[in-house]
Amino acid sequence: MDGKSLDTNAPASQPAADKDEESWGSFALFVLKLALAVLIFRSFIFAPFSIPSESMLPRLWNGDYLVASKWSYGFTRHSLPFSMPLIPGRVLAEQPERGDMVIFKHPVDGSDYIKRVIALPGDTVEMRGGTVFLNGNAIPKERIEDFVIPVSENTQCAWGAVEERNAAGEQICRYARFRETLPSGKSYNVLDFGDVPADNYGPIIVPEGRMFLMGDNRDNSQDSRFPAEAGGGIGLVPQDNLVGQASAVMWSTDGSASWLLPWTWFTAARWDRMAEGI
């Protein structure tokens, strides 16, 4: 004996299994908190969206990845992942402004769409020969310099384009571009291929709770000029279908990247389009 007494009341060493269980419990709690934070952020602050078509040329290109502000127009079940029916009606509702670029759920198939707000409830909207008339007044449409976009995996020349090669030998698409200016003074650029049947529409009065939306690529957009049907036109879109307002392009790719070739992630990137406000 060394003269030291044993403390029979000292706690026994915690088994290793209990320590492992506590570690896994702490990790699970961290993952749960992280998932909840991401859910709140995506549902009520910002959420990412991708552009899968050319209906919003010249501003948005196929292969752009953007973020949308979720609070701009209030919150509905469409603010939540999978449109979970947890929010009744539209909370903190705000009406969009004419000229806003909005993300919304298609009235028939529920997929995410993006278009520009042209007319709001009570407005009379009409198209004559490709010119938009709002409440009886033509929206000024000024011819500006051509829009040029490189041909890529994500971009092919539509029927309204002139396909040519630039000085560097790159294949490009050239389109006639115009600037429209709303009565509020807000302006944006559109493409016009020429005379098509959808250049004449209306007049119609936008009913309460609805919006008349158009694509900026006027002759390559299934928008409010066409009846709502799955994968096609959208008709007069209910404001309750709003998801958010397009805010900024955060990433853009020309479609040539391969997941198996990491260096192509960089060569395919359109660096000059990133971090651009909308």
C-alpha atoms as a PDB file:
ATOM      1  CA  MET A   1       0.000   0.000   0.000  1.00  0.00           C
ATOM      2  CA  ASP A   2       1.295   3.500  -0.808  1.00  0.00           C
ATOM      3  CA  GLY A   3      -0.859   5.193   1.839  1.00  0.00           C
ATOM      4  CA  LYS A   4      -3.247   6.747  -0.708  1.00  0.00           C
ATOM      5  CA  SER A   5      -6.876   5.927  -0.105  1.00  0.00           C
ATOM      6  CA  LEU A   6      -9.234   5.025  -2.923  1.00  0.00           C
ATOM      7  CA  ASP A   7     -12.216   7.334  -3.560  1.00  0.00           C
ATOM      8  CA  THR A   8     -15.057   4.896  -3.916  1.00  0.00           C
ATOM      9  CA  ASN A   9     -17.424   7.741  -4.877  1.00  0.00           C
ATOM     10  CA  ALA A  10     -15.445   8.800  -7.999  1.00  0.00           C
ATOM     11  CA  PRO A  11     -17.477   8.438 -11.201  1.00  0.00           C
ATOM     12  CA  ALA A  12     -16.617   5.511 -13.408  1.00  0.00           C
ATOM     13  CA  SER A  13     -15.056   6.269 -16.796  1.00  0.00           C
ATOM     14  CA  GLN A  14     -17.709   6.912 -19.460  1.00  0.00           C
ATOM     15  CA  PRO A  15     -17.870   3.938 -21.830  1.00  0.00           C
ATOM     16  CA  ALA A  16     -16.498   4.596 -25.311  1.00  0.00           C
ATOM     17  CA  ALA A  17     -19.846   3.574 -26.811  1.00  0.00           C
ATOM     18  CA  ASP A  18     -21.607   6.381 -24.901  1.00  0.00           C
ATOM     19  CA  LYS A  19     -19.055   8.906 -26.168  1.00  0.00           C
ATOM     20  CA  ASP A  20     -19.585   7.743 -29.758  1.00  0.00           C
ATOM     21  CA  GLU A  21     -23.348   8.000 -29.310  1.00  0.00           C
ATOM     22  CA  GLU A  22     -22.996  11.541 -27.946  1.00  0.00           C
ATOM     23  CA  SER A  23     -20.743  12.528 -30.886  1.00  0.00           C
ATOM     24  CA  TRP A  24     -23.214  11.162 -33.440  1.00  0.00           C
ATOM     25  CA  GLY A  25     -26.065  12.909 -31.649  1.00  0.00           C
ATOM     26  CA  SER A  26     -24.224  16.241 -31.771  1.00  0.00           C
ATOM     27  CA  PHE A  27     -23.451  15.751 -35.479  1.00  0.00           C
ATOM     28  CA  ALA A  28     -27.100  14.890 -36.251  1.00  0.00           C
ATOM     29  CA  LEU A  29     -28.243  18.019 -34.395  1.00  0.00           C
ATOM     30  CA  PHE A  30     -25.765  20.147 -36.371  1.00  0.00           C
ATOM     31  CA  VAL A  31     -27.003  18.690 -39.685  1.00  0.00           C
ATOM     32  CA  LEU A  32     -30.608  19.326 -38.643  1.00  0.00           C
ATOM     33  CA  LYS A  33     -29.865  22.948 -37.750  1.00  0.00           C
ATOM     34  CA  LEU A  34     -27.973  23.437 -41.021  1.00  0.00           C
ATOM     35  CA  ALA A  35     -30.841  21.946 -43.056  1.00  0.00           C
ATOM     36  CA  LEU A  36     -33.326  24.193 -41.257  1.00  0.00           C
ATOM     37  CA  ALA A  37     -31.185  27.280 -41.913  1.00  0.00           C
ATOM     38  CA  VAL A  38     -30.913  26.397 -45.628  1.00  0.00           C
ATOM     39  CA  LEU A  39     -34.669  25.783 -45.803  1.00  0.00           C
ATOM     40  CA  ILE A  40     -35.435  29.172 -44.242  1.00  0.00           C
ATOM     41  CA  PHE A  41     -32.919  30.940 -46.496  1.00  0.00           C
ATOM     42  CA  ARG A  42     -34.250  29.336 -49.694  1.00  0.00           C
ATOM     43  CA  SER A  43     -37.888  29.800 -48.728  1.00  0.00           C
ATOM     44  CA  PHE A  44     -37.856  33.381 -47.497  1.00  0.00           C
ATOM     45  CA  ILE A  45     -34.651  35.155 -48.581  1.00  0.00           C
ATOM     46  CA  PHE A  46     -32.892  33.992 -51.783  1.00  0.00           C
ATOM     47  CA  ALA A  47     -33.142  30.887 -53.952  1.00  0.00           C
ATOM     48  CA  PRO A  48     -31.246  29.739 -57.064  1.00  0.00           C
ATOM     49  CA  PHE A  49     -32.863  29.153 -60.454  1.00  0.00           C
ATOM     50  CA  SER A  50     -31.520  28.177 -63.864  1.00  0.00           C
ATOM     51  CA  ILE A  51     -32.449  29.438 -67.336  1.00  0.00           C
ATOM     52  CA  PRO A  52     -33.188  26.467 -69.641  1.00  0.00           C
ATOM     53  CA  SER A  53     -34.310  28.332 -72.781  1.00  0.00           C
ATOM     54  CA  GLU A  54     -33.777  31.483 -74.853  1.00  0.00           C
ATOM     55  CA  SER A  55     -37.189  33.082 -74.250  1.00  0.00           C
ATOM     56  CA  MET A  56     -35.610  35.890 -72.178  1.00  0.00           C
ATOM     57  CA  LEU A  57     -32.841  36.855 -74.598  1.00  0.00           C
ATOM     58  CA  PRO A  58     -31.121  39.268 -74.763  1.00  0.00           C
ATOM     59  CA  ARG A  59     -30.971  39.777 -70.968  1.00  0.00           C
ATOM     60  CA  LEU A  60     -30.874  36.131 -69.845  1.00  0.00           C
ATOM     61  CA  TRP A  61     -29.090  33.368 -71.749  1.00  0.00           C
ATOM     62  CA  ASN A  62     -29.678  29.646 -71.753  1.00  0.00           C
ATOM     63  CA  GLY A  63     -27.180  28.331 -69.167  1.00  0.00           C
ATOM     64  CA  ASP A  64     -27.448  31.303 -66.789  1.00  0.00           C
ATOM     65  CA  TYR A  65     -27.902  30.548 -63.100  1.00  0.00           C
ATOM     66  CA  LEU A  66     -29.526  33.319 -61.129  1.00  0.00           C
ATOM     67  CA  VAL A  67     -30.769  34.098 -57.645  1.00  0.00           C
ATOM     68  CA  ALA A  68     -34.216  35.452 -56.896  1.00  0.00           C
ATOM     69  CA  SER A  69     -35.342  37.458 -53.908  1.00  0.00           C
ATOM     70  CA  LYS A  70     -38.166  35.540 -52.238  1.00  0.00           C
ATOM     71  CA  TRP A  71     -39.577  38.408 -50.160  1.00  0.00           C
ATOM     72  CA  SER A  72     -40.332  40.853 -52.974  1.00  0.00           C
ATOM     73  CA  TYR A  73     -43.983  39.908 -53.506  1.00  0.00           C
ATOM     74  CA  GLY A  74     -44.879  38.139 -50.279  1.00  0.00           C
ATOM     75  CA  PHE A  75     -44.969  34.448 -49.437  1.00  0.00           C
ATOM     76  CA  THR A  76     -47.222  31.598 -50.527  1.00  0.00           C
ATOM     77  CA  ARG A  77     -46.977  27.823 -50.525  1.00  0.00           C
ATOM     78  CA  HIS A  78     -44.916  28.244 -53.699  1.00  0.00           C
ATOM     79  CA  SER A  79     -42.214  29.885 -51.581  1.00  0.00           C
ATOM     80  CA  LEU A  80     -41.604  26.509 -49.956  1.00  0.00           C
ATOM     81  CA  PRO A  81     -39.853  23.493 -51.465  1.00  0.00           C
ATOM     82  CA  PHE A  82     -42.252  21.334 -53.502  1.00  0.00           C
ATOM     83  CA  SER A  83     -44.961  23.996 -52.931  1.00  0.00           C
ATOM     84  CA  MET A  84     -45.799  22.437 -49.568  1.00  0.00           C
ATOM     85  CA  PRO A  85     -49.282  23.700 -48.518  1.00  0.00           C
ATOM     86  CA  LEU A  86     -48.135  25.222 -45.241  1.00  0.00           C
ATOM     87  CA  ILE A  87     -48.792  28.906 -46.011  1.00  0.00           C
ATOM     88  CA  PRO A  88     -52.446  29.886 -46.524  1.00  0.00           C
ATOM     89  CA  GLY A  89     -52.980  32.384 -49.362  1.00  0.00           C
ATOM     90  CA  ARG A  90     -50.329  35.080 -49.857  1.00  0.00           C
ATOM     91  CA  VAL A  91     -48.728  36.551 -46.744  1.00  0.00           C
ATOM     92  CA  LEU A  92     -47.196  40.083 -46.794  1.00  0.00           C
ATOM     93  CA  ALA A  93     -48.436  40.398 -50.379  1.00  0.00           C
ATOM     94  CA  GLU A  94     -46.909  43.019 -52.648  1.00  0.00           C
ATOM     95  CA  GLN A  95     -47.865  43.558 -56.280  1.00  0.00           C
ATOM     96  CA  PRO A  96     -45.010  43.487 -58.806  1.00  0.00           C
ATOM     97  CA  GLU A  97     -44.226  46.532 -60.896  1.00  0.00           C
ATOM     98  CA  ARG A  98     -44.481  46.682 -64.655  1.00  0.00           C
ATOM     99  CA  GLY A  99     -41.092  45.761 -66.077  1.00  0.00           C
ATOM    100  CA  ASP A 100     -40.126  43.421 -63.228  1.00  0.00           C
ATOM    101  CA  MET A 101     -38.639  40.079 -64.237  1.00  0.00           C
ATOM    102  CA  VAL A 102     -40.544  37.552 -62.143  1.00  0.00           C
ATOM    103  CA  ILE A 103     -40.263  33.852 -61.389  1.00  0.00           C
ATOM    104  CA  PHE A 104     -43.575  32.030 -60.985  1.00  0.00           C
ATOM    105  CA  LYS A 105     -45.200  28.621 -61.108  1.00  0.00           C
ATOM    106  CA  HIS A 106     -46.804  27.682 -64.406  1.00  0.00           C
ATOM    107  CA  PRO A 107     -50.606  27.735 -63.892  1.00  0.00           C
ATOM    108  CA  VAL A 108     -51.029  24.221 -65.328  1.00  0.00           C
ATOM    109  CA  ASP A 109     -47.907  22.107 -64.814  1.00  0.00           C
ATOM    110  CA  GLY A 110     -46.440  23.922 -61.797  1.00  0.00           C
ATOM    111  CA  SER A 111     -42.922  24.231 -63.231  1.00  0.00           C
ATOM    112  CA  ASP A 112     -40.781  27.334 -62.667  1.00  0.00           C
ATOM    113  CA  TYR A 113     -41.023  29.996 -65.385  1.00  0.00           C
ATOM    114  CA  ILE A 114     -39.525  33.458 -65.767  1.00  0.00           C
ATOM    115  CA  LYS A 115     -41.067  36.339 -67.749  1.00  0.00           C
ATOM    116  CA  ARG A 116     -41.379  40.117 -67.623  1.00  0.00           C
ATOM    117  CA  VAL A 117     -44.422  41.879 -66.175  1.00  0.00           C
ATOM    118  CA  ILE A 118     -46.104  44.017 -68.834  1.00  0.00           C
ATOM    119  CA  ALA A 119     -49.606  44.665 -67.460  1.00  0.00           C
ATOM    120  CA  LEU A 120     -51.321  44.486 -64.064  1.00  0.00           C
ATOM    121  CA  PRO A 121     -54.954  44.262 -62.894  1.00  0.00           C
ATOM    122  CA  GLY A 122     -57.142  46.858 -64.575  1.00  0.00           C
ATOM    123  CA  ASP A 123     -54.673  47.496 -67.413  1.00  0.00           C
ATOM    124  CA  THR A 124     -55.778  47.125 -71.016  1.00  0.00           C
ATOM    125  CA  VAL A 125     -53.069  45.434 -73.062  1.00  0.00           C
ATOM    126  CA  GLU A 126     -52.889  44.898 -76.799  1.00  0.00           C
ATOM    127  CA  MET A 127     -50.329  44.127 -79.507  1.00  0.00           C
ATOM    128  CA  ARG A 128     -50.458  45.610 -82.984  1.00  0.00           C
ATOM    129  CA  GLY A 129     -47.817  44.661 -85.520  1.00  0.00           C
ATOM    130  CA  GLY A 130     -45.349  43.687 -82.788  1.00  0.00           C
ATOM    131  CA  THR A 131     -45.820  46.889 -80.754  1.00  0.00           C
ATOM    132  CA  VAL A 132     -47.267  46.626 -77.250  1.00  0.00           C
ATOM    133  CA  PHE A 133     -50.081  49.022 -76.350  1.00  0.00           C
ATOM    134  CA  LEU A 134     -50.732  49.656 -72.668  1.00  0.00           C
ATOM    135  CA  ASN A 135     -53.982  51.395 -71.752  1.00  0.00           C
ATOM    136  CA  GLY A 136     -54.320  52.615 -75.317  1.00  0.00           C
ATOM    137  CA  ASN A 137     -50.788  54.030 -75.610  1.00  0.00           C
ATOM    138  CA  ALA A 138     -47.970  52.429 -77.580  1.00  0.00           C
ATOM    139  CA  ILE A 139     -44.912  51.446 -75.544  1.00  0.00           C
ATOM    140  CA  PRO A 140     -42.070  53.189 -77.388  1.00  0.00           C
ATOM    141  CA  LYS A 141     -39.891  50.685 -79.249  1.00  0.00           C
ATOM    142  CA  GLU A 142     -36.536  52.042 -80.424  1.00  0.00           C
ATOM    143  CA  ARG A 143     -34.235  50.146 -82.777  1.00  0.00           C
ATOM    144  CA  ILE A 144     -30.752  49.855 -81.253  1.00  0.00           C
ATOM    145  CA  GLU A 145     -27.563  47.948 -82.142  1.00  0.00           C
ATOM    146  CA  ASP A 146     -27.880  44.271 -83.047  1.00  0.00           C
ATOM    147  CA  PHE A 147     -27.624  41.637 -80.358  1.00  0.00           C
ATOM    148  CA  VAL A 148     -24.810  39.161 -80.980  1.00  0.00           C
ATOM    149  CA  ILE A 149     -24.368  35.878 -79.122  1.00  0.00           C
ATOM    150  CA  PRO A 150     -21.785  33.110 -79.749  1.00  0.00           C
ATOM    151  CA  VAL A 151     -23.014  29.731 -80.931  1.00  0.00           C
ATOM    152  CA  SER A 152     -22.441  27.062 -78.260  1.00  0.00           C
ATOM    153  CA  GLU A 153     -23.894  23.870 -76.816  1.00  0.00           C
ATOM    154  CA  ASN A 154     -26.478  26.049 -75.059  1.00  0.00           C
ATOM    155  CA  THR A 155     -27.067  28.489 -77.929  1.00  0.00           C
ATOM    156  CA  GLN A 156     -28.126  27.804 -81.488  1.00  0.00           C
ATOM    157  CA  CYS A 157     -29.344  30.406 -83.974  1.00  0.00           C
ATOM    158  CA  ALA A 158     -33.140  30.633 -84.099  1.00  0.00           C
ATOM    159  CA  TRP A 159     -35.024  31.285 -87.332  1.00  0.00           C
ATOM    160  CA  GLY A 160     -34.944  35.055 -86.778  1.00  0.00           C
ATOM    161  CA  ALA A 161     -31.139  35.249 -86.579  1.00  0.00           C
ATOM    162  CA  VAL A 162     -28.440  35.905 -89.126  1.00  0.00           C
ATOM    163  CA  GLU A 163     -25.761  33.242 -88.641  1.00  0.00           C
ATOM    164  CA  GLU A 164     -22.245  34.400 -89.462  1.00  0.00           C
ATOM    165  CA  ARG A 165     -18.622  34.407 -88.303  1.00  0.00           C
ATOM    166  CA  ASN A 166     -16.986  37.292 -86.513  1.00  0.00           C
ATOM    167  CA  ALA A 167     -13.474  38.658 -87.111  1.00  0.00           C
ATOM    168  CA  ALA A 168     -12.013  35.962 -84.860  1.00  0.00           C
ATOM    169  CA  GLY A 169     -13.675  33.232 -86.902  1.00  0.00           C
ATOM    170  CA  GLU A 170     -16.219  32.374 -84.197  1.00  0.00           C
ATOM    171  CA  GLN A 171     -19.704  31.386 -85.240  1.00  0.00           C
ATOM    172  CA  ILE A 172     -22.279  33.866 -83.942  1.00  0.00           C
ATOM    173  CA  CYS A 173     -26.003  34.631 -84.111  1.00  0.00           C
ATOM    174  CA  ARG A 174     -27.069  38.215 -84.893  1.00  0.00           C
ATOM    175  CA  TYR A 175     -30.549  39.471 -83.961  1.00  0.00           C
ATOM    176  CA  ALA A 176     -32.450  42.738 -84.396  1.00  0.00           C
ATOM    177  CA  ARG A 177     -32.648  44.379 -80.966  1.00  0.00           C
ATOM    178  CA  PHE A 178     -35.007  47.070 -79.670  1.00  0.00           C
ATOM    179  CA  ARG A 179     -35.427  49.055 -76.459  1.00  0.00           C
ATOM    180  CA  GLU A 180     -38.898  49.385 -74.959  1.00  0.00           C
ATOM    181  CA  THR A 181     -39.650  52.083 -72.376  1.00  0.00           C
ATOM    182  CA  LEU A 182     -42.639  51.814 -70.059  1.00  0.00           C
ATOM    183  CA  PRO A 183     -44.657  54.842 -68.871  1.00  0.00           C
ATOM    184  CA  SER A 184     -42.783  54.636 -65.550  1.00  0.00           C
ATOM    185  CA  GLY A 185     -39.510  55.244 -67.423  1.00  0.00           C
ATOM    186  CA  LYS A 186     -38.241  51.716 -66.890  1.00  0.00           C
ATOM    187  CA  SER A 187     -36.637  50.321 -70.060  1.00  0.00           C
ATOM    188  CA  TYR A 188     -35.389  46.938 -71.214  1.00  0.00           C
ATOM    189  CA  ASN A 189     -34.225  45.338 -74.454  1.00  0.00           C
ATOM    190  CA  VAL A 190     -36.205  42.898 -76.592  1.00  0.00           C
ATOM    191  CA  LEU A 191     -35.616  40.853 -79.728  1.00  0.00           C
ATOM    192  CA  ASP A 192     -37.999  40.891 -82.691  1.00  0.00           C
ATOM    193  CA  PHE A 193     -37.710  38.415 -85.580  1.00  0.00           C
ATOM    194  CA  GLY A 194     -40.330  40.027 -87.808  1.00  0.00           C
ATOM    195  CA  ASP A 195     -44.022  39.512 -88.565  1.00  0.00           C
ATOM    196  CA  VAL A 196     -45.626  36.544 -86.795  1.00  0.00           C
ATOM    197  CA  PRO A 197     -49.256  35.829 -85.820  1.00  0.00           C
ATOM    198  CA  ALA A 198     -48.589  36.568 -82.118  1.00  0.00           C
ATOM    199  CA  ASP A 199     -47.595  40.153 -83.060  1.00  0.00           C
ATOM    200  CA  ASN A 200     -51.308  40.955 -82.963  1.00  0.00           C
ATOM    201  CA  TYR A 201     -53.232  40.271 -79.778  1.00  0.00           C
ATOM    202  CA  GLY A 202     -56.144  41.653 -77.790  1.00  0.00           C
ATOM    203  CA  PRO A 203     -57.123  44.070 -76.514  1.00  0.00           C
ATOM    204  CA  ILE A 204     -57.901  42.470 -73.146  1.00  0.00           C
ATOM    205  CA  ILE A 205     -58.319  43.873 -69.642  1.00  0.00           C
ATOM    206  CA  VAL A 206     -56.199  42.133 -67.014  1.00  0.00           C
ATOM    207  CA  PRO A 207     -58.536  40.858 -64.271  1.00  0.00           C
ATOM    208  CA  GLU A 208     -57.995  41.291 -60.548  1.00  0.00           C
ATOM    209  CA  GLY A 209     -55.225  39.121 -59.124  1.00  0.00           C
ATOM    210  CA  ARG A 210     -53.661  38.355 -62.520  1.00  0.00           C
ATOM    211  CA  MET A 211     -50.644  39.497 -64.563  1.00  0.00           C
ATOM    212  CA  PHE A 212     -49.895  39.765 -68.270  1.00  0.00           C
ATOM    213  CA  LEU A 213     -46.333  38.534 -68.793  1.00  0.00           C
ATOM    214  CA  MET A 214     -44.109  38.407 -71.883  1.00  0.00           C
ATOM    215  CA  GLY A 215     -40.716  37.046 -72.818  1.00  0.00           C
ATOM    216  CA  ASP A 216     -38.111  39.544 -74.010  1.00  0.00           C
ATOM    217  CA  ASN A 217     -37.406  37.266 -76.989  1.00  0.00           C
ATOM    218  CA  ARG A 218     -40.821  38.189 -78.351  1.00  0.00           C
ATOM    219  CA  ASP A 219     -41.104  35.746 -81.240  1.00  0.00           C
ATOM    220  CA  ASN A 220     -39.584  32.835 -79.310  1.00  0.00           C
ATOM    221  CA  SER A 221     -41.648  32.924 -76.117  1.00  0.00           C
ATOM    222  CA  GLN A 222     -44.784  31.085 -75.028  1.00  0.00           C
ATOM    223  CA  ASP A 223     -46.216  33.749 -72.741  1.00  0.00           C
ATOM    224  CA  SER A 224     -49.513  35.416 -71.769  1.00  0.00           C
ATOM    225  CA  ARG A 225     -50.491  35.787 -75.427  1.00  0.00           C
ATOM    226  CA  PHE A 226     -51.024  32.016 -75.504  1.00  0.00           C
ATOM    227  CA  PRO A 227     -53.583  29.964 -73.524  1.00  0.00           C
ATOM    228  CA  ALA A 228     -52.193  28.218 -70.460  1.00  0.00           C
ATOM    229  CA  GLU A 229     -51.260  24.623 -71.199  1.00  0.00           C
ATOM    230  CA  ALA A 230     -48.667  22.248 -69.826  1.00  0.00           C
ATOM    231  CA  GLY A 231     -45.257  22.943 -71.334  1.00  0.00           C
ATOM    232  CA  GLY A 232     -46.625  25.843 -73.381  1.00  0.00           C
ATOM    233  CA  GLY A 233     -48.420  29.154 -72.963  1.00  0.00           C
ATOM    234  CA  ILE A 234     -49.081  30.632 -69.544  1.00  0.00           C
ATOM    235  CA  GLY A 235     -52.219  32.728 -70.063  1.00  0.00           C
ATOM    236  CA  LEU A 236     -52.957  35.453 -67.504  1.00  0.00           C
ATOM    237  CA  VAL A 237     -50.918  34.293 -64.519  1.00  0.00           C
ATOM    238  CA  PRO A 238     -52.361  34.462 -60.973  1.00  0.00           C
ATOM    239  CA  GLN A 239     -50.260  36.641 -58.685  1.00  0.00           C
ATOM    240  CA  ASP A 240     -50.538  33.882 -56.092  1.00  0.00           C
ATOM    241  CA  ASN A 241     -48.222  31.859 -58.357  1.00  0.00           C
ATOM    242  CA  LEU A 242     -45.356  34.308 -57.845  1.00  0.00           C
ATOM    243  CA  VAL A 243     -42.174  32.807 -56.414  1.00  0.00           C
ATOM    244  CA  GLY A 244     -39.779  35.765 -56.438  1.00  0.00           C
ATOM    245  CA  GLN A 245     -38.044  38.525 -58.370  1.00  0.00           C
ATOM    246  CA  ALA A 246     -34.964  37.783 -60.462  1.00  0.00           C
ATOM    247  CA  SER A 247     -32.053  39.605 -58.796  1.00  0.00           C
ATOM    248  CA  ALA A 248     -28.667  38.648 -60.255  1.00  0.00           C
ATOM    249  CA  VAL A 249     -26.845  36.181 -62.511  1.00  0.00           C
ATOM    250  CA  MET A 250     -24.410  34.270 -60.330  1.00  0.00           C
ATOM    251  CA  TRP A 251     -23.054  31.710 -62.804  1.00  0.00           C
ATOM    252  CA  SER A 252     -23.238  31.089 -66.536  1.00  0.00           C
ATOM    253  CA  THR A 253     -22.038  28.268 -68.754  1.00  0.00           C
ATOM    254  CA  ASP A 254     -22.075  27.681 -72.503  1.00  0.00           C
ATOM    255  CA  GLY A 255     -22.922  23.991 -72.003  1.00  0.00           C
ATOM    256  CA  SER A 256     -19.596  22.530 -73.138  1.00  0.00           C
ATOM    257  CA  ALA A 257     -18.455  21.364 -69.690  1.00  0.00           C
ATOM    258  CA  SER A 258     -18.196  17.703 -68.713  1.00  0.00           C
ATOM    259  CA  TRP A 259     -18.438  16.523 -65.118  1.00  0.00           C
ATOM    260  CA  LEU A 260     -15.661  14.009 -65.823  1.00  0.00           C
ATOM    261  CA  LEU A 261     -13.290  16.741 -67.084  1.00  0.00           C
ATOM    262  CA  PRO A 262     -12.990  19.314 -64.263  1.00  0.00           C
ATOM    263  CA  TRP A 263     -10.941  21.809 -66.295  1.00  0.00           C
ATOM    264  CA  THR A 264     -13.889  22.211 -68.682  1.00  0.00           C
ATOM    265  CA  TRP A 265     -15.935  23.667 -65.817  1.00  0.00           C
ATOM    266  CA  PHE A 266     -13.751  26.748 -66.183  1.00  0.00           C
ATOM    267  CA  THR A 267     -13.380  26.852 -69.956  1.00  0.00           C
ATOM    268  CA  ALA A 268     -17.177  26.614 -70.350  1.00  0.00           C
ATOM    269  CA  ALA A 269     -17.863  29.449 -67.906  1.00  0.00           C
ATOM    270  CA  ARG A 270     -19.069  32.798 -69.248  1.00  0.00           C
ATOM    271  CA  TRP A 271     -17.098  34.855 -66.756  1.00  0.00           C
ATOM    272  CA  ASP A 272     -18.278  38.217 -68.079  1.00  0.00           C
ATOM    273  CA  ARG A 273     -21.908  37.377 -67.217  1.00  0.00           C
ATOM    274  CA  MET A 274     -21.383  36.560 -63.562  1.00  0.00           C
ATOM    275  CA  ALA A 275     -22.455  38.702 -60.608  1.00  0.00           C
ATOM    276  CA  GLU A 276     -24.563  40.887 -62.916  1.00  0.00           C
ATOM    277  CA  GLY A 277     -27.665  42.527 -61.498  1.00  0.00           C
ATOM    278  CA  ILE A 278     -30.970  42.088 -63.312  1.00  0.00           C
END
